[in-house]
Amino acid sequence: MIIQNSSDLIRHHQPQVLANGTPVHEAELINGHAVIIGHDSLSLYRRPGDCADPLGNGFIRSVSLPDNHRIPQEAPMLQEHRAGFAGLVGGYVLLIGLNDIRLFSSREDALRNRNELVRLALGD
């Protein structure tokens, strides 16, 4: 029997709709939290599906994207992932670490760790 281990930090992902009707993309991390990728923000929730709760139960924190860097609202927003890398629509890149998630406008910027757009802490 072959044992298959994965270094992916994203367990599962899917398009989702917020309670106000806004389309987003939800990525479940291996620690069970959910990262919500929106057109103008990144948000962290305790569990997948919590973003659809109209009362906001499970919300941990959110960070707004700069006005000149909005992620296109094309489905799927998350196009590829492996290990701590997530490629988004429009060429944007998320680097997921143990303590935070960082958004870059391109693969080159992410590779060189330059021009970070926003950072979202992962701790409770």
Protein backbone atom coordinates (compact mmCIF):
# COMPACT_ATOMS: atom_id res chain seq x y z
CA MET A 1 0.00 0.00 0.00
CA ILE A 2 1.29 3.44 -0.92
CA ILE A 3 0.80 6.21 1.61
CA GLN A 4 0.16 9.52 -0.05
CA ASN A 5 1.00 12.66 1.89
CA SER A 6 0.22 16.11 0.63
CA SER A 7 1.79 19.43 1.54
CA ASP A 8 -1.29 21.33 0.38
CA LEU A 9 -2.53 23.81 2.95
CA ILE A 10 -5.91 24.07 1.21
CA ARG A 11 -8.08 21.04 1.87
CA HIS A 12 -11.06 22.00 -0.28
CA HIS A 13 -12.31 25.07 -2.14
CA GLN A 14 -15.51 26.17 -3.83
CA PRO A 15 -17.41 29.24 -5.01
CA GLN A 16 -19.72 30.59 -2.32
CA VAL A 17 -22.30 33.38 -1.99
CA LEU A 18 -22.41 35.68 1.04
CA ALA A 19 -25.67 36.44 2.84
CA ASN A 20 -25.86 39.77 0.93
CA GLY A 21 -25.57 37.96 -2.43
CA THR A 22 -21.92 38.79 -3.14
CA PRO A 23 -20.04 35.99 -4.96
CA VAL A 24 -16.80 34.91 -3.26
CA HIS A 25 -14.53 31.88 -3.19
CA GLU A 26 -14.11 29.82 -0.02
CA ALA A 27 -10.93 27.86 0.72
CA GLU A 28 -10.87 25.45 3.66
CA LEU A 29 -7.42 25.30 5.25
CA ILE A 30 -5.94 22.19 6.85
CA ASN A 31 -6.54 23.70 10.32
CA GLY A 32 -10.30 23.80 9.59
CA HIS A 33 -10.59 27.58 9.17
CA ALA A 34 -12.02 29.06 5.98
CA VAL A 35 -10.48 31.88 3.96
CA ILE A 36 -12.95 33.89 1.93
CA ILE A 37 -11.53 35.47 -1.22
CA GLY A 38 -13.65 38.38 -2.32
CA HIS A 39 -13.42 41.02 -5.01
CA ASP A 40 -12.26 43.62 -2.49
CA SER A 41 -11.22 41.72 0.65
CA LEU A 42 -9.84 38.57 2.29
CA SER A 43 -11.63 37.23 5.36
CA LEU A 44 -11.04 34.46 7.87
CA TYR A 45 -13.83 32.35 9.41
CA ARG A 46 -13.75 29.56 11.97
CA ARG A 47 -15.39 26.96 9.71
CA PRO A 48 -16.36 26.50 6.07
CA GLY A 49 -19.87 27.81 5.43
CA ASP A 50 -19.74 30.40 8.22
CA CYS A 51 -19.51 33.19 5.65
CA ALA A 52 -23.12 32.51 4.60
CA ASP A 53 -24.42 33.17 8.13
CA PRO A 54 -26.32 36.49 8.06
CA LEU A 55 -25.37 37.11 11.72
CA GLY A 56 -21.66 36.75 11.03
CA ASN A 57 -21.12 33.88 13.44
CA GLY A 58 -17.67 32.39 13.00
CA PHE A 59 -16.11 35.59 11.64
CA ILE A 60 -12.54 36.13 12.88
CA ARG A 61 -11.10 39.01 10.83
CA SER A 62 -10.96 40.65 7.45
CA VAL A 63 -8.61 42.86 5.47
CA SER A 64 -9.60 45.17 2.60
CA LEU A 65 -7.69 45.18 -0.67
CA PRO A 66 -6.24 48.43 -2.03
CA ASP A 67 -8.62 50.28 -4.38
CA ASN A 68 -6.25 49.80 -7.33
CA HIS A 69 -5.99 46.02 -6.77
CA ARG A 70 -9.38 44.31 -7.02
CA ILE A 71 -9.67 40.61 -7.79
CA PRO A 72 -11.89 40.03 -10.85
CA GLN A 73 -15.24 38.45 -9.97
CA GLU A 74 -14.84 35.54 -12.35
CA ALA A 75 -15.61 32.02 -11.23
CA PRO A 76 -13.59 30.27 -10.05
CA MET A 77 -11.56 32.96 -8.30
CA LEU A 78 -9.10 30.35 -7.00
CA GLN A 79 -7.68 28.66 -10.08
CA GLU A 80 -4.86 26.49 -8.74
CA HIS A 81 -3.16 25.57 -5.49
CA ARG A 82 -0.33 23.46 -4.17
CA ALA A 83 1.50 23.56 -0.86
CA GLY A 84 1.16 27.19 0.34
CA PHE A 85 0.66 28.69 -3.12
CA ALA A 86 -2.75 29.68 -4.50
CA GLY A 87 -3.12 31.21 -7.96
CA LEU A 88 -6.10 33.49 -8.34
CA VAL A 89 -7.90 34.94 -11.35
CA GLY A 90 -6.24 38.04 -12.79
CA GLY A 91 -2.74 36.74 -11.97
CA TYR A 92 -3.01 37.44 -8.23
CA VAL A 93 -1.25 35.05 -5.85
CA LEU A 94 -1.86 34.05 -2.24
CA LEU A 95 1.06 32.71 -0.21
CA ILE A 96 -0.27 30.79 2.78
CA GLY A 97 2.11 30.38 5.70
CA LEU A 98 1.75 29.09 9.23
CA ASN A 99 0.93 32.50 10.67
CA ASP A 100 -0.59 34.50 7.83
CA ILE A 101 -1.78 34.74 4.25
CA ARG A 102 -0.16 37.30 1.95
CA LEU A 103 -1.59 38.61 -1.33
CA PHE A 104 0.62 39.62 -4.26
CA SER A 105 -0.38 40.99 -7.65
CA SER A 106 1.80 38.51 -9.60
CA ARG A 107 3.78 35.28 -9.37
CA GLU A 108 7.02 37.22 -9.78
CA ASP A 109 6.24 39.47 -6.81
CA ALA A 110 5.28 36.44 -4.70
CA LEU A 111 8.44 34.56 -5.72
CA ARG A 112 10.63 37.51 -4.81
CA ASN A 113 8.53 38.42 -1.74
CA ARG A 114 8.13 42.01 -2.91
CA ASN A 115 5.21 44.41 -3.25
CA GLU A 116 2.94 42.58 -0.80
CA LEU A 117 -0.58 44.00 -1.13
CA VAL A 118 -2.19 42.77 2.11
CA ARG A 119 -1.56 40.33 4.94
CA LEU A 120 -4.22 38.39 6.86
CA ALA A 121 -3.21 36.86 10.20
CA LEU A 122 -4.35 33.25 10.71
CA GLY A 123 -4.37 33.07 14.51
CA ASP A 124 -7.59 33.26 16.54
